[in-house]
């Protein structure tokens, strides 16, 4: 009983005093200095997003309330659809045994879990996200996988006071593009990266560069007004679509040796849907808000046109049913070195 009370007190003190205060993670019976609160489970108490007043308050509200419904309803289909891109990102991250890895915007924890497997029992993987409901699922998955070198935290990576030089590897799959102030966010993350560490992240390319976005939108646009893309740099799905902007942001945050490249993969629509189901996936799942005011006749005509537009993308070589595979592009950025520059401002600002 006494030891249990002591662990409870230590955990409370660790969380209350802030993230990473020389805490010890117990993994496989071995003590290890690591950048997280004391290990008493897979996840710290959830952040009170209702009281958040920081730069990400709108994002926090979105990812803890109505915004997550799409991801929970179609979690497995989205995971299967994006699996080729996830594999590419993991390969490029090249995590090795014993490393400490931070997954930014980890969502359901798929990348974090894979990183934990790669770094092994002497390494550690931490997944951070604004969404407490998603982290609950991430915790369940990590527990089911039997991993003990992993942890999840409900924090804002843009402003959180991470322990300095705690990680060799920072990874993000479609997470950093939501930063309200990208320069400030990466400057903050720079402080927790070792000088010999690296960052690698993937974010969506412009929507017209990806078949699985451009083609369905072009179909809908024949019948209904489609909003134009947001300006480059606007936080959101395509906030990091411009490679030059990425370089500018990372340079301003104090990084050097920045490499930005296109990453293109054919993705199975909806995780592997045939023509009719793929057309319905786009109408009911991907663009339903655009069709909210369309009557049944217009929606039926959009559906017919959508099926015709998707027909060339049926893969009858790999599937007798003709699963639809469509290309989607990411911008993949890698940083291999930290600059000693102290000034953090956009050039010309």
C-alpha atoms as a PDB file:
ATOM      1  CA  UNK A   1       0.000   0.000   0.000  1.00  0.00           C
ATOM      2  CA  UNK A   2       2.782   2.370   0.903  1.00  0.00           C
ATOM      3  CA  UNK A   3       4.587   1.812  -2.407  1.00  0.00           C
ATOM      4  CA  UNK A   4       1.313   2.315  -4.294  1.00  0.00           C
ATOM      5  CA  UNK A   5       0.716   5.636  -2.538  1.00  0.00           C
ATOM      6  CA  UNK A   6       4.298   6.666  -3.274  1.00  0.00           C
ATOM      7  CA  UNK A   7       3.866   5.912  -6.981  1.00  0.00           C
ATOM      8  CA  UNK A   8       0.622   7.892  -7.030  1.00  0.00           C
ATOM      9  CA  UNK A   9       2.343  10.862  -5.344  1.00  0.00           C
ATOM     10  CA  UNK A  10       5.328  10.692  -7.681  1.00  0.00           C
ATOM     11  CA  UNK A  11       3.059  10.606 -10.710  1.00  0.00           C
ATOM     12  CA  UNK A  12       1.042  13.591  -9.525  1.00  0.00           C
ATOM     13  CA  UNK A  13       4.158  15.604  -8.741  1.00  0.00           C
ATOM     14  CA  UNK A  14       5.662  14.760 -12.153  1.00  0.00           C
ATOM     15  CA  UNK A  15       2.560  15.846 -14.051  1.00  0.00           C
ATOM     16  CA  UNK A  16       1.986  18.949 -11.936  1.00  0.00           C
ATOM     17  CA  UNK A  17       5.571  20.142 -12.267  1.00  0.00           C
ATOM     18  CA  UNK A  18       5.441  19.927 -16.059  1.00  0.00           C
ATOM     19  CA  UNK A  19       6.516  17.567 -18.745  1.00  0.00           C
ATOM     20  CA  UNK A  20       9.964  16.028 -18.401  1.00  0.00           C
ATOM     21  CA  UNK A  21      11.478  16.815 -15.037  1.00  0.00           C
ATOM     22  CA  UNK A  22      14.234  14.182 -14.900  1.00  0.00           C
ATOM     23  CA  UNK A  23      11.580  11.458 -14.681  1.00  0.00           C
ATOM     24  CA  UNK A  24      12.401   7.773 -14.881  1.00  0.00           C
ATOM     25  CA  UNK A  25      10.632   5.438 -17.253  1.00  0.00           C
ATOM     26  CA  UNK A  26      10.499   1.839 -16.087  1.00  0.00           C
ATOM     27  CA  UNK A  27      10.802  -0.376 -19.127  1.00  0.00           C
ATOM     28  CA  UNK A  28      11.581  -4.054 -18.748  1.00  0.00           C
ATOM     29  CA  UNK A  29      12.834  -3.427 -15.227  1.00  0.00           C
ATOM     30  CA  UNK A  30      15.503  -0.945 -16.322  1.00  0.00           C
ATOM     31  CA  UNK A  31      15.537   2.706 -15.361  1.00  0.00           C
ATOM     32  CA  UNK A  32      15.974   5.123 -18.242  1.00  0.00           C
ATOM     33  CA  UNK A  33      16.193   8.915 -18.444  1.00  0.00           C
ATOM     34  CA  UNK A  34      13.492   9.962 -20.864  1.00  0.00           C
ATOM     35  CA  UNK A  35      11.533  12.983 -21.969  1.00  0.00           C
ATOM     36  CA  UNK A  36       8.206  12.255 -20.319  1.00  0.00           C
ATOM     37  CA  UNK A  37       6.372  12.208 -17.020  1.00  0.00           C
ATOM     38  CA  UNK A  38       6.947   9.262 -14.676  1.00  0.00           C
ATOM     39  CA  UNK A  39       5.741   5.934 -16.042  1.00  0.00           C
ATOM     40  CA  UNK A  40       2.595   4.777 -14.278  1.00  0.00           C
ATOM     41  CA  UNK A  41       0.632   3.893 -17.384  1.00  0.00           C
ATOM     42  CA  UNK A  42       0.451   4.638 -21.093  1.00  0.00           C
ATOM     43  CA  UNK A  43      -1.103   8.062 -20.884  1.00  0.00           C
ATOM     44  CA  UNK A  44      -1.079  11.052 -18.559  1.00  0.00           C
ATOM     45  CA  UNK A  45      -4.355  12.707 -17.428  1.00  0.00           C
ATOM     46  CA  UNK A  46      -6.073  14.470 -20.369  1.00  0.00           C
ATOM     47  CA  UNK A  47      -5.535  18.114 -21.026  1.00  0.00           C
ATOM     48  CA  UNK A  48      -8.505  20.354 -20.146  1.00  0.00           C
ATOM     49  CA  UNK A  49      -9.058  21.643 -23.687  1.00  0.00           C
ATOM     50  CA  UNK A  50     -12.124  23.634 -22.654  1.00  0.00           C
ATOM     51  CA  UNK A  51      -9.920  26.069 -20.752  1.00  0.00           C
ATOM     52  CA  UNK A  52      -7.199  26.390 -23.370  1.00  0.00           C
ATOM     53  CA  UNK A  53      -6.410  29.936 -24.467  1.00  0.00           C
ATOM     54  CA  UNK A  54      -3.288  29.256 -26.524  1.00  0.00           C
ATOM     55  CA  UNK A  55      -2.734  29.622 -30.276  1.00  0.00           C
ATOM     56  CA  UNK A  56      -4.176  26.152 -30.967  1.00  0.00           C
ATOM     57  CA  UNK A  57      -7.449  26.627 -29.072  1.00  0.00           C
ATOM     58  CA  UNK A  58      -9.581  26.226 -32.224  1.00  0.00           C
ATOM     59  CA  UNK A  59      -7.708  23.107 -33.251  1.00  0.00           C
ATOM     60  CA  UNK A  60      -8.043  21.682 -29.744  1.00  0.00           C
ATOM     61  CA  UNK A  61     -11.779  22.243 -29.804  1.00  0.00           C
ATOM     62  CA  UNK A  62     -12.063  20.689 -33.264  1.00  0.00           C
ATOM     63  CA  UNK A  63     -10.027  17.561 -32.450  1.00  0.00           C
ATOM     64  CA  UNK A  64     -11.875  16.889 -29.204  1.00  0.00           C
ATOM     65  CA  UNK A  65     -15.421  17.516 -30.390  1.00  0.00           C
ATOM     66  CA  UNK A  66     -17.231  17.324 -33.743  1.00  0.00           C
ATOM     67  CA  UNK A  67     -14.071  17.201 -35.871  1.00  0.00           C
ATOM     68  CA  UNK A  68     -13.145  13.660 -34.845  1.00  0.00           C
ATOM     69  CA  UNK A  69     -16.409  11.994 -35.913  1.00  0.00           C
ATOM     70  CA  UNK A  70     -15.107  11.361 -39.458  1.00  0.00           C
ATOM     71  CA  UNK A  71     -11.919   9.709 -38.179  1.00  0.00           C
ATOM     72  CA  UNK A  72     -13.683   7.500 -35.634  1.00  0.00           C
ATOM     73  CA  UNK A  73     -16.371   6.397 -38.087  1.00  0.00           C
ATOM     74  CA  UNK A  74     -13.863   5.425 -40.799  1.00  0.00           C
ATOM     75  CA  UNK A  75     -10.737   4.674 -38.777  1.00  0.00           C
ATOM     76  CA  UNK A  76      -9.870   1.311 -40.339  1.00  0.00           C
ATOM     77  CA  UNK A  77     -10.658   2.421 -43.899  1.00  0.00           C
ATOM     78  CA  UNK A  78      -8.488   5.540 -43.526  1.00  0.00           C
ATOM     79  CA  UNK A  79      -5.651   3.506 -42.018  1.00  0.00           C
ATOM     80  CA  UNK A  80      -5.779   0.978 -44.883  1.00  0.00           C
ATOM     81  CA  UNK A  81      -5.993   3.706 -47.509  1.00  0.00           C
ATOM     82  CA  UNK A  82      -2.987   5.594 -46.176  1.00  0.00           C
ATOM     83  CA  UNK A  83      -0.883   2.524 -45.346  1.00  0.00           C
ATOM     84  CA  UNK A  84       1.444   2.924 -48.372  1.00  0.00           C
ATOM     85  CA  UNK A  85       2.315   6.483 -47.331  1.00  0.00           C
ATOM     86  CA  UNK A  86       2.724   5.443 -43.694  1.00  0.00           C
ATOM     87  CA  UNK A  87       5.218   2.752 -44.716  1.00  0.00           C
ATOM     88  CA  UNK A  88       7.205   5.250 -46.780  1.00  0.00           C
ATOM     89  CA  UNK A  89       7.378   7.691 -43.886  1.00  0.00           C
ATOM     90  CA  UNK A  90       8.534   5.003 -41.456  1.00  0.00           C
ATOM     91  CA  UNK A  91      11.201   3.893 -43.913  1.00  0.00           C
ATOM     92  CA  UNK A  92      12.477   7.427 -44.345  1.00  0.00           C
ATOM     93  CA  UNK A  93      12.521   8.001 -40.581  1.00  0.00           C
ATOM     94  CA  UNK A  94      14.915   5.031 -40.259  1.00  0.00           C
ATOM     95  CA  UNK A  95      14.453   4.624 -36.513  1.00  0.00           C
ATOM     96  CA  UNK A  96      17.137   2.437 -34.915  1.00  0.00           C
ATOM     97  CA  UNK A  97      17.400   0.425 -31.726  1.00  0.00           C
ATOM     98  CA  UNK A  98      17.825   2.496 -28.579  1.00  0.00           C
ATOM     99  CA  UNK A  99      16.622   5.791 -30.053  1.00  0.00           C
ATOM    100  CA  UNK A 100      14.056   8.072 -28.428  1.00  0.00           C
ATOM    101  CA  UNK A 101      11.363   9.151 -30.880  1.00  0.00           C
ATOM    102  CA  UNK A 102       8.628  11.784 -30.676  1.00  0.00           C
ATOM    103  CA  UNK A 103       5.541  11.438 -32.895  1.00  0.00           C
ATOM    104  CA  UNK A 104       3.823  14.823 -33.351  1.00  0.00           C
ATOM    105  CA  UNK A 105       0.073  14.754 -33.974  1.00  0.00           C
ATOM    106  CA  UNK A 106       0.046  10.992 -33.423  1.00  0.00           C
ATOM    107  CA  UNK A 107      -3.736  10.536 -33.628  1.00  0.00           C
ATOM    108  CA  UNK A 108      -4.596   6.866 -33.100  1.00  0.00           C
ATOM    109  CA  UNK A 109      -0.923   6.075 -32.514  1.00  0.00           C
ATOM    110  CA  UNK A 110      -0.182   3.884 -35.538  1.00  0.00           C
ATOM    111  CA  UNK A 111       3.147   5.550 -36.317  1.00  0.00           C
ATOM    112  CA  UNK A 112       4.093   5.801 -32.623  1.00  0.00           C
ATOM    113  CA  UNK A 113       3.514   2.072 -32.155  1.00  0.00           C
ATOM    114  CA  UNK A 114       5.654   1.217 -35.169  1.00  0.00           C
ATOM    115  CA  UNK A 115       8.419   3.507 -33.884  1.00  0.00           C
ATOM    116  CA  UNK A 116       8.273   1.784 -30.483  1.00  0.00           C
ATOM    117  CA  UNK A 117       8.764  -1.584 -32.176  1.00  0.00           C
ATOM    118  CA  UNK A 118      11.717  -0.295 -34.194  1.00  0.00           C
ATOM    119  CA  UNK A 119      13.593   1.386 -31.330  1.00  0.00           C
ATOM    120  CA  UNK A 120      13.136  -1.692 -29.146  1.00  0.00           C
ATOM    121  CA  UNK A 121      13.112  -2.097 -25.361  1.00  0.00           C
ATOM    122  CA  UNK A 122      16.138   0.142 -24.878  1.00  0.00           C
ATOM    123  CA  UNK A 123      14.488   2.946 -26.836  1.00  0.00           C
ATOM    124  CA  UNK A 124      11.308   4.888 -26.317  1.00  0.00           C
ATOM    125  CA  UNK A 125       8.459   6.334 -28.388  1.00  0.00           C
ATOM    126  CA  UNK A 126       6.244   9.203 -27.278  1.00  0.00           C
ATOM    127  CA  UNK A 127       3.087  10.178 -29.173  1.00  0.00           C
ATOM    128  CA  UNK A 128       1.550  13.604 -28.560  1.00  0.00           C
ATOM    129  CA  UNK A 129      -1.755  14.917 -29.858  1.00  0.00           C
ATOM    130  CA  UNK A 130      -4.443  17.497 -29.144  1.00  0.00           C
ATOM    131  CA  UNK A 131      -7.201  14.870 -29.264  1.00  0.00           C
ATOM    132  CA  UNK A 132      -7.849  13.076 -25.988  1.00  0.00           C
ATOM    133  CA  UNK A 133     -10.389  10.649 -27.557  1.00  0.00           C
ATOM    134  CA  UNK A 134      -7.866   9.571 -30.196  1.00  0.00           C
ATOM    135  CA  UNK A 135      -5.200   9.044 -27.547  1.00  0.00           C
ATOM    136  CA  UNK A 136      -7.505   6.731 -25.617  1.00  0.00           C
ATOM    137  CA  UNK A 137      -7.644   4.495 -28.703  1.00  0.00           C
ATOM    138  CA  UNK A 138      -3.878   4.809 -29.171  1.00  0.00           C
ATOM    139  CA  UNK A 139      -3.354   3.647 -25.610  1.00  0.00           C
ATOM    140  CA  UNK A 140      -5.613   0.646 -26.171  1.00  0.00           C
ATOM    141  CA  UNK A 141      -3.684  -0.335 -29.302  1.00  0.00           C
ATOM    142  CA  UNK A 142      -0.310  -0.046 -27.565  1.00  0.00           C
ATOM    143  CA  UNK A 143      -1.525  -2.156 -24.673  1.00  0.00           C
ATOM    144  CA  UNK A 144      -2.885  -4.790 -27.070  1.00  0.00           C
ATOM    145  CA  UNK A 145       0.517  -4.843 -28.800  1.00  0.00           C
ATOM    146  CA  UNK A 146       2.208  -5.535 -25.459  1.00  0.00           C
ATOM    147  CA  UNK A 147       4.534  -2.537 -25.752  1.00  0.00           C
ATOM    148  CA  UNK A 148       6.072  -1.025 -22.626  1.00  0.00           C
ATOM    149  CA  UNK A 149       8.457   1.474 -24.230  1.00  0.00           C
ATOM    150  CA  UNK A 150       5.692   3.813 -25.361  1.00  0.00           C
ATOM    151  CA  UNK A 151       3.662   6.656 -23.929  1.00  0.00           C
ATOM    152  CA  UNK A 152       0.995   9.102 -25.090  1.00  0.00           C
ATOM    153  CA  UNK A 153       0.479  12.684 -23.925  1.00  0.00           C
ATOM    154  CA  UNK A 154      -2.466  15.032 -24.542  1.00  0.00           C
ATOM    155  CA  UNK A 155      -0.447  18.210 -25.102  1.00  0.00           C
ATOM    156  CA  UNK A 156       0.093  20.997 -27.620  1.00  0.00           C
ATOM    157  CA  UNK A 157       3.458  20.395 -29.293  1.00  0.00           C
ATOM    158  CA  UNK A 158       3.544  23.995 -30.499  1.00  0.00           C
ATOM    159  CA  UNK A 159       3.874  25.511 -27.029  1.00  0.00           C
ATOM    160  CA  UNK A 160       4.667  22.677 -24.618  1.00  0.00           C
ATOM    161  CA  UNK A 161       7.881  22.970 -22.576  1.00  0.00           C
ATOM    162  CA  UNK A 162       9.625  19.782 -23.637  1.00  0.00           C
ATOM    163  CA  UNK A 163      12.796  18.621 -21.939  1.00  0.00           C
ATOM    164  CA  UNK A 164      15.839  19.857 -23.814  1.00  0.00           C
ATOM    165  CA  UNK A 165      17.683  17.436 -26.090  1.00  0.00           C
ATOM    166  CA  UNK A 166      15.436  14.520 -25.147  1.00  0.00           C
ATOM    167  CA  UNK A 167      14.909  12.931 -28.576  1.00  0.00           C
ATOM    168  CA  UNK A 168      17.013  11.713 -31.474  1.00  0.00           C
ATOM    169  CA  UNK A 169      14.038  11.529 -33.834  1.00  0.00           C
ATOM    170  CA  UNK A 170      10.938  13.670 -34.389  1.00  0.00           C
ATOM    171  CA  UNK A 171       8.291  12.307 -36.793  1.00  0.00           C
ATOM    172  CA  UNK A 172       4.918  13.562 -37.973  1.00  0.00           C
ATOM    173  CA  UNK A 173       2.398  12.232 -40.454  1.00  0.00           C
ATOM    174  CA  UNK A 174      -0.026  14.997 -41.479  1.00  0.00           C
ATOM    175  CA  UNK A 175       0.267  16.772 -38.138  1.00  0.00           C
ATOM    176  CA  UNK A 176       2.532  19.805 -38.399  1.00  0.00           C
ATOM    177  CA  UNK A 177       0.448  21.460 -41.132  1.00  0.00           C
ATOM    178  CA  UNK A 178      -2.110  22.449 -38.491  1.00  0.00           C
ATOM    179  CA  UNK A 179       0.293  24.642 -36.474  1.00  0.00           C
ATOM    180  CA  UNK A 180      -1.096  28.147 -35.909  1.00  0.00           C
ATOM    181  CA  UNK A 181       2.443  29.583 -35.846  1.00  0.00           C
ATOM    182  CA  UNK A 182       4.705  27.132 -37.632  1.00  0.00           C
ATOM    183  CA  UNK A 183       7.976  28.997 -36.996  1.00  0.00           C
ATOM    184  CA  UNK A 184       7.316  29.205 -33.259  1.00  0.00           C
ATOM    185  CA  UNK A 185       6.223  25.567 -33.183  1.00  0.00           C
ATOM    186  CA  UNK A 186       9.357  24.252 -34.887  1.00  0.00           C
ATOM    187  CA  UNK A 187      11.549  26.507 -32.780  1.00  0.00           C
ATOM    188  CA  UNK A 188       9.948  24.927 -29.738  1.00  0.00           C
ATOM    189  CA  UNK A 189      10.454  21.419 -31.101  1.00  0.00           C
ATOM    190  CA  UNK A 190      14.055  22.244 -31.946  1.00  0.00           C
ATOM    191  CA  UNK A 191      14.775  22.571 -28.228  1.00  0.00           C
ATOM    192  CA  UNK A 192      13.864  18.934 -27.534  1.00  0.00           C
ATOM    193  CA  UNK A 193      15.891  17.513 -30.427  1.00  0.00           C
ATOM    194  CA  UNK A 194      19.474  16.390 -29.891  1.00  0.00           C
ATOM    195  CA  UNK A 195      22.027  18.227 -32.013  1.00  0.00           C
ATOM    196  CA  UNK A 196      22.736  14.999 -33.886  1.00  0.00           C
ATOM    197  CA  UNK A 197      19.024  14.249 -34.209  1.00  0.00           C
ATOM    198  CA  UNK A 198      16.665  14.562 -37.147  1.00  0.00           C
ATOM    199  CA  UNK A 199      13.115  15.528 -38.037  1.00  0.00           C
ATOM    200  CA  UNK A 200      11.052  13.940 -40.784  1.00  0.00           C
ATOM    201  CA  UNK A 201       7.442  14.722 -41.589  1.00  0.00           C
ATOM    202  CA  UNK A 202       4.918  14.335 -44.382  1.00  0.00           C
ATOM    203  CA  UNK A 203       2.115  16.732 -45.277  1.00  0.00           C
ATOM    204  CA  UNK A 204      -0.371  16.787 -48.137  1.00  0.00           C
ATOM    205  CA  UNK A 205       0.532  18.291 -51.500  1.00  0.00           C
ATOM    206  CA  UNK A 206      -1.778  20.766 -53.261  1.00  0.00           C
ATOM    207  CA  UNK A 207      -5.131  19.157 -53.901  1.00  0.00           C
ATOM    208  CA  UNK A 208      -4.747  19.397 -57.682  1.00  0.00           C
ATOM    209  CA  UNK A 209      -1.582  17.267 -57.419  1.00  0.00           C
ATOM    210  CA  UNK A 210      -3.479  14.285 -56.001  1.00  0.00           C
ATOM    211  CA  UNK A 211      -5.896  12.230 -58.076  1.00  0.00           C
ATOM    212  CA  UNK A 212      -7.899  11.123 -55.041  1.00  0.00           C
ATOM    213  CA  UNK A 213      -8.682  14.748 -54.191  1.00  0.00           C
ATOM    214  CA  UNK A 214      -8.688  16.580 -57.510  1.00  0.00           C
ATOM    215  CA  UNK A 215     -10.844  14.166 -59.505  1.00  0.00           C
ATOM    216  CA  UNK A 216     -13.761  13.908 -57.052  1.00  0.00           C
ATOM    217  CA  UNK A 217     -13.733  17.688 -56.515  1.00  0.00           C
ATOM    218  CA  UNK A 218     -13.670  18.309 -60.248  1.00  0.00           C
ATOM    219  CA  UNK A 219     -16.705  16.067 -60.641  1.00  0.00           C
ATOM    220  CA  UNK A 220     -18.636  17.884 -57.930  1.00  0.00           C
ATOM    221  CA  UNK A 221     -17.589  21.258 -59.381  1.00  0.00           C
ATOM    222  CA  UNK A 222     -19.480  20.433 -62.583  1.00  0.00           C
ATOM    223  CA  UNK A 223     -22.720  20.697 -60.602  1.00  0.00           C
ATOM    224  CA  UNK A 224     -21.995  22.664 -57.412  1.00  0.00           C
ATOM    225  CA  UNK A 225     -19.690  25.553 -56.505  1.00  0.00           C
ATOM    226  CA  UNK A 226     -16.553  24.239 -54.805  1.00  0.00           C
ATOM    227  CA  UNK A 227     -14.666  26.643 -52.501  1.00  0.00           C
ATOM    228  CA  UNK A 228     -11.209  27.644 -53.775  1.00  0.00           C
ATOM    229  CA  UNK A 229      -8.117  26.397 -51.952  1.00  0.00           C
ATOM    230  CA  UNK A 230      -6.956  28.405 -48.969  1.00  0.00           C
ATOM    231  CA  UNK A 231      -3.865  30.601 -49.380  1.00  0.00           C
ATOM    232  CA  UNK A 232      -0.496  28.870 -48.902  1.00  0.00           C
ATOM    233  CA  UNK A 233       0.504  28.602 -45.264  1.00  0.00           C
ATOM    234  CA  UNK A 234      -3.039  28.665 -43.892  1.00  0.00           C
ATOM    235  CA  UNK A 235      -3.212  26.051 -41.116  1.00  0.00           C
ATOM    236  CA  UNK A 236      -5.131  23.036 -42.339  1.00  0.00           C
ATOM    237  CA  UNK A 237      -4.987  20.079 -44.694  1.00  0.00           C
ATOM    238  CA  UNK A 238      -2.843  21.869 -47.311  1.00  0.00           C
ATOM    239  CA  UNK A 239      -1.016  24.267 -45.002  1.00  0.00           C
ATOM    240  CA  UNK A 240       2.380  22.747 -45.860  1.00  0.00           C
ATOM    241  CA  UNK A 241       1.788  22.026 -49.538  1.00  0.00           C
ATOM    242  CA  UNK A 242       4.406  24.548 -50.703  1.00  0.00           C
ATOM    243  CA  UNK A 243       7.969  23.123 -50.458  1.00  0.00           C
ATOM    244  CA  UNK A 244       9.525  26.610 -50.565  1.00  0.00           C
ATOM    245  CA  UNK A 245       7.383  27.697 -47.638  1.00  0.00           C
ATOM    246  CA  UNK A 246       8.470  24.620 -45.669  1.00  0.00           C
ATOM    247  CA  UNK A 247      12.132  25.462 -46.257  1.00  0.00           C
ATOM    248  CA  UNK A 248      11.529  29.058 -45.215  1.00  0.00           C
ATOM    249  CA  UNK A 249       9.767  28.023 -42.010  1.00  0.00           C
ATOM    250  CA  UNK A 250      12.405  25.484 -40.994  1.00  0.00           C
ATOM    251  CA  UNK A 251      15.245  27.865 -41.809  1.00  0.00           C
ATOM    252  CA  UNK A 252      13.600  30.569 -39.706  1.00  0.00           C
ATOM    253  CA  UNK A 253      13.174  28.111 -36.828  1.00  0.00           C
ATOM    254  CA  UNK A 254      16.921  27.483 -36.793  1.00  0.00           C
ATOM    255  CA  UNK A 255      17.318  24.301 -38.841  1.00  0.00           C
ATOM    256  CA  UNK A 256      19.796  23.630 -41.635  1.00  0.00           C
ATOM    257  CA  UNK A 257      20.299  20.792 -44.128  1.00  0.00           C
ATOM    258  CA  UNK A 258      16.611  20.793 -44.987  1.00  0.00           C
ATOM    259  CA  UNK A 259      15.569  18.341 -47.709  1.00  0.00           C
ATOM    260  CA  UNK A 260      12.069  18.540 -49.203  1.00  0.00           C
ATOM    261  CA  UNK A 261      10.850  16.032 -51.764  1.00  0.00           C
ATOM    262  CA  UNK A 262       7.637  14.777 -53.323  1.00  0.00           C
ATOM    263  CA  UNK A 263       6.287  11.480 -52.037  1.00  0.00           C
ATOM    264  CA  UNK A 264       3.707   9.912 -54.344  1.00  0.00           C
ATOM    265  CA  UNK A 265       1.864   6.649 -53.806  1.00  0.00           C
ATOM    266  CA  UNK A 266      -1.183   4.941 -55.263  1.00  0.00           C
ATOM    267  CA  UNK A 267      -3.699   4.532 -52.455  1.00  0.00           C
ATOM    268  CA  UNK A 268      -6.601   2.066 -52.363  1.00  0.00           C
ATOM    269  CA  UNK A 269      -9.692   4.290 -52.162  1.00  0.00           C
ATOM    270  CA  UNK A 270     -11.440   3.751 -48.845  1.00  0.00           C
ATOM    271  CA  UNK A 271      -8.967   0.998 -48.015  1.00  0.00           C
ATOM    272  CA  UNK A 272      -9.835  -1.099 -51.104  1.00  0.00           C
ATOM    273  CA  UNK A 273     -13.241  -0.325 -52.589  1.00  0.00           C
ATOM    274  CA  UNK A 274     -14.659  -1.348 -55.947  1.00  0.00           C
ATOM    275  CA  UNK A 275     -15.995   1.204 -58.427  1.00  0.00           C
ATOM    276  CA  UNK A 276     -19.529   1.713 -57.095  1.00  0.00           C
ATOM    277  CA  UNK A 277     -18.414   1.688 -53.469  1.00  0.00           C
ATOM    278  CA  UNK A 278     -15.536   4.063 -54.211  1.00  0.00           C
ATOM    279  CA  UNK A 279     -17.914   6.538 -55.833  1.00  0.00           C
ATOM    280  CA  UNK A 280     -20.220   6.347 -52.820  1.00  0.00           C
ATOM    281  CA  UNK A 281     -17.206   6.759 -50.497  1.00  0.00           C
ATOM    282  CA  UNK A 282     -16.329  10.073 -52.082  1.00  0.00           C
ATOM    283  CA  UNK A 283     -19.937  11.285 -52.049  1.00  0.00           C
ATOM    284  CA  UNK A 284     -20.843  10.175 -48.535  1.00  0.00           C
ATOM    285  CA  UNK A 285     -17.521  10.378 -46.715  1.00  0.00           C
ATOM    286  CA  UNK A 286     -15.124  12.764 -48.453  1.00  0.00           C
ATOM    287  CA  UNK A 287     -17.360  15.547 -49.809  1.00  0.00           C
ATOM    288  CA  UNK A 288     -20.735  15.280 -48.019  1.00  0.00           C
ATOM    289  CA  UNK A 289     -20.792  18.908 -46.880  1.00  0.00           C
ATOM    290  CA  UNK A 290     -20.562  20.066 -50.501  1.00  0.00           C
ATOM    291  CA  UNK A 291     -23.628  17.992 -51.342  1.00  0.00           C
ATOM    292  CA  UNK A 292     -25.716  19.071 -48.361  1.00  0.00           C
ATOM    293  CA  UNK A 293     -27.973  21.331 -50.456  1.00  0.00           C
ATOM    294  CA  UNK A 294     -28.091  19.137 -53.556  1.00  0.00           C
ATOM    295  CA  UNK A 295     -31.419  17.510 -54.320  1.00  0.00           C
ATOM    296  CA  UNK A 296     -31.704  13.803 -55.090  1.00  0.00           C
ATOM    297  CA  UNK A 297     -31.670  14.315 -58.858  1.00  0.00           C
ATOM    298  CA  UNK A 298     -28.413  16.315 -58.789  1.00  0.00           C
ATOM    299  CA  UNK A 299     -26.834  13.894 -56.342  1.00  0.00           C
ATOM    300  CA  UNK A 300     -27.764  10.981 -58.585  1.00  0.00           C
ATOM    301  CA  UNK A 301     -26.196  12.712 -61.585  1.00  0.00           C
ATOM    302  CA  UNK A 302     -23.046  13.484 -59.581  1.00  0.00           C
ATOM    303  CA  UNK A 303     -22.864   9.808 -58.599  1.00  0.00           C
ATOM    304  CA  UNK A 304     -23.107   8.669 -62.224  1.00  0.00           C
ATOM    305  CA  UNK A 305     -20.425  11.157 -63.303  1.00  0.00           C
ATOM    306  CA  UNK A 306     -18.232  10.117 -60.364  1.00  0.00           C
ATOM    307  CA  UNK A 307     -18.361   6.454 -61.372  1.00  0.00           C
ATOM    308  CA  UNK A 308     -17.368   7.327 -64.928  1.00  0.00           C
ATOM    309  CA  UNK A 309     -14.492   9.485 -63.667  1.00  0.00           C
ATOM    310  CA  UNK A 310     -13.202   6.709 -61.405  1.00  0.00           C
ATOM    311  CA  UNK A 311     -13.465   3.930 -63.997  1.00  0.00           C
ATOM    312  CA  UNK A 312      -9.922   4.444 -65.405  1.00  0.00           C
ATOM    313  CA  UNK A 313      -8.506   3.885 -61.899  1.00  0.00           C
ATOM    314  CA  UNK A 314      -9.905   0.397 -61.410  1.00  0.00           C
ATOM    315  CA  UNK A 315      -7.070  -2.061 -60.814  1.00  0.00           C
ATOM    316  CA  UNK A 316      -8.153  -5.295 -62.450  1.00  0.00           C
ATOM    317  CA  UNK A 317      -4.622  -6.649 -62.463  1.00  0.00           C
ATOM    318  CA  UNK A 318      -4.343  -6.905 -58.673  1.00  0.00           C
ATOM    319  CA  UNK A 319      -8.037  -7.416 -57.998  1.00  0.00           C
ATOM    320  CA  UNK A 320     -10.676  -9.259 -60.011  1.00  0.00           C
ATOM    321  CA  UNK A 321     -13.299  -6.895 -58.562  1.00  0.00           C
ATOM    322  CA  UNK A 322     -11.448  -3.834 -59.813  1.00  0.00           C
ATOM    323  CA  UNK A 323     -10.433  -2.012 -56.644  1.00  0.00           C
ATOM    324  CA  UNK A 324      -9.902   1.701 -57.312  1.00  0.00           C
ATOM    325  CA  UNK A 325      -6.344   2.911 -56.733  1.00  0.00           C
ATOM    326  CA  UNK A 326      -5.633   6.619 -57.034  1.00  0.00           C
ATOM    327  CA  UNK A 327      -2.403   8.542 -56.615  1.00  0.00           C
ATOM    328  CA  UNK A 328      -1.968  10.994 -53.772  1.00  0.00           C
ATOM    329  CA  UNK A 329       1.048  13.192 -53.162  1.00  0.00           C
ATOM    330  CA  UNK A 330       2.752  14.366 -50.018  1.00  0.00           C
ATOM    331  CA  UNK A 331       5.555  16.776 -49.348  1.00  0.00           C
ATOM    332  CA  UNK A 332       8.160  14.919 -47.300  1.00  0.00           C
ATOM    333  CA  UNK A 333      10.668  17.064 -45.403  1.00  0.00           C
ATOM    334  CA  UNK A 334      13.779  15.917 -43.547  1.00  0.00           C
ATOM    335  CA  UNK A 335      16.109  17.940 -41.324  1.00  0.00           C
ATOM    336  CA  UNK A 336      19.472  16.483 -40.359  1.00  0.00           C
ATOM    337  CA  UNK A 337      21.151  19.264 -38.421  1.00  0.00           C
ATOM    338  CA  UNK A 338      20.326  22.067 -35.994  1.00  0.00           C
ATOM    339  CA  UNK A 339      21.742  25.528 -36.529  1.00  0.00           C
ATOM    340  CA  UNK A 340      23.263  27.468 -33.654  1.00  0.00           C
ATOM    341  CA  UNK A 341      21.431  30.562 -34.868  1.00  0.00           C
ATOM    342  CA  UNK A 342      19.431  32.177 -32.077  1.00  0.00           C
ATOM    343  CA  UNK A 343      17.306  34.574 -34.098  1.00  0.00           C
ATOM    344  CA  UNK A 344      13.903  33.171 -35.018  1.00  0.00           C
ATOM    345  CA  UNK A 345      12.124  35.336 -37.548  1.00  0.00           C
ATOM    346  CA  UNK A 346      10.973  34.917 -41.091  1.00  0.00           C
ATOM    347  CA  UNK A 347      13.392  36.374 -43.636  1.00  0.00           C
ATOM    348  CA  UNK A 348      12.308  39.867 -44.551  1.00  0.00           C
ATOM    349  CA  UNK A 349       9.918  40.104 -41.598  1.00  0.00           C
END
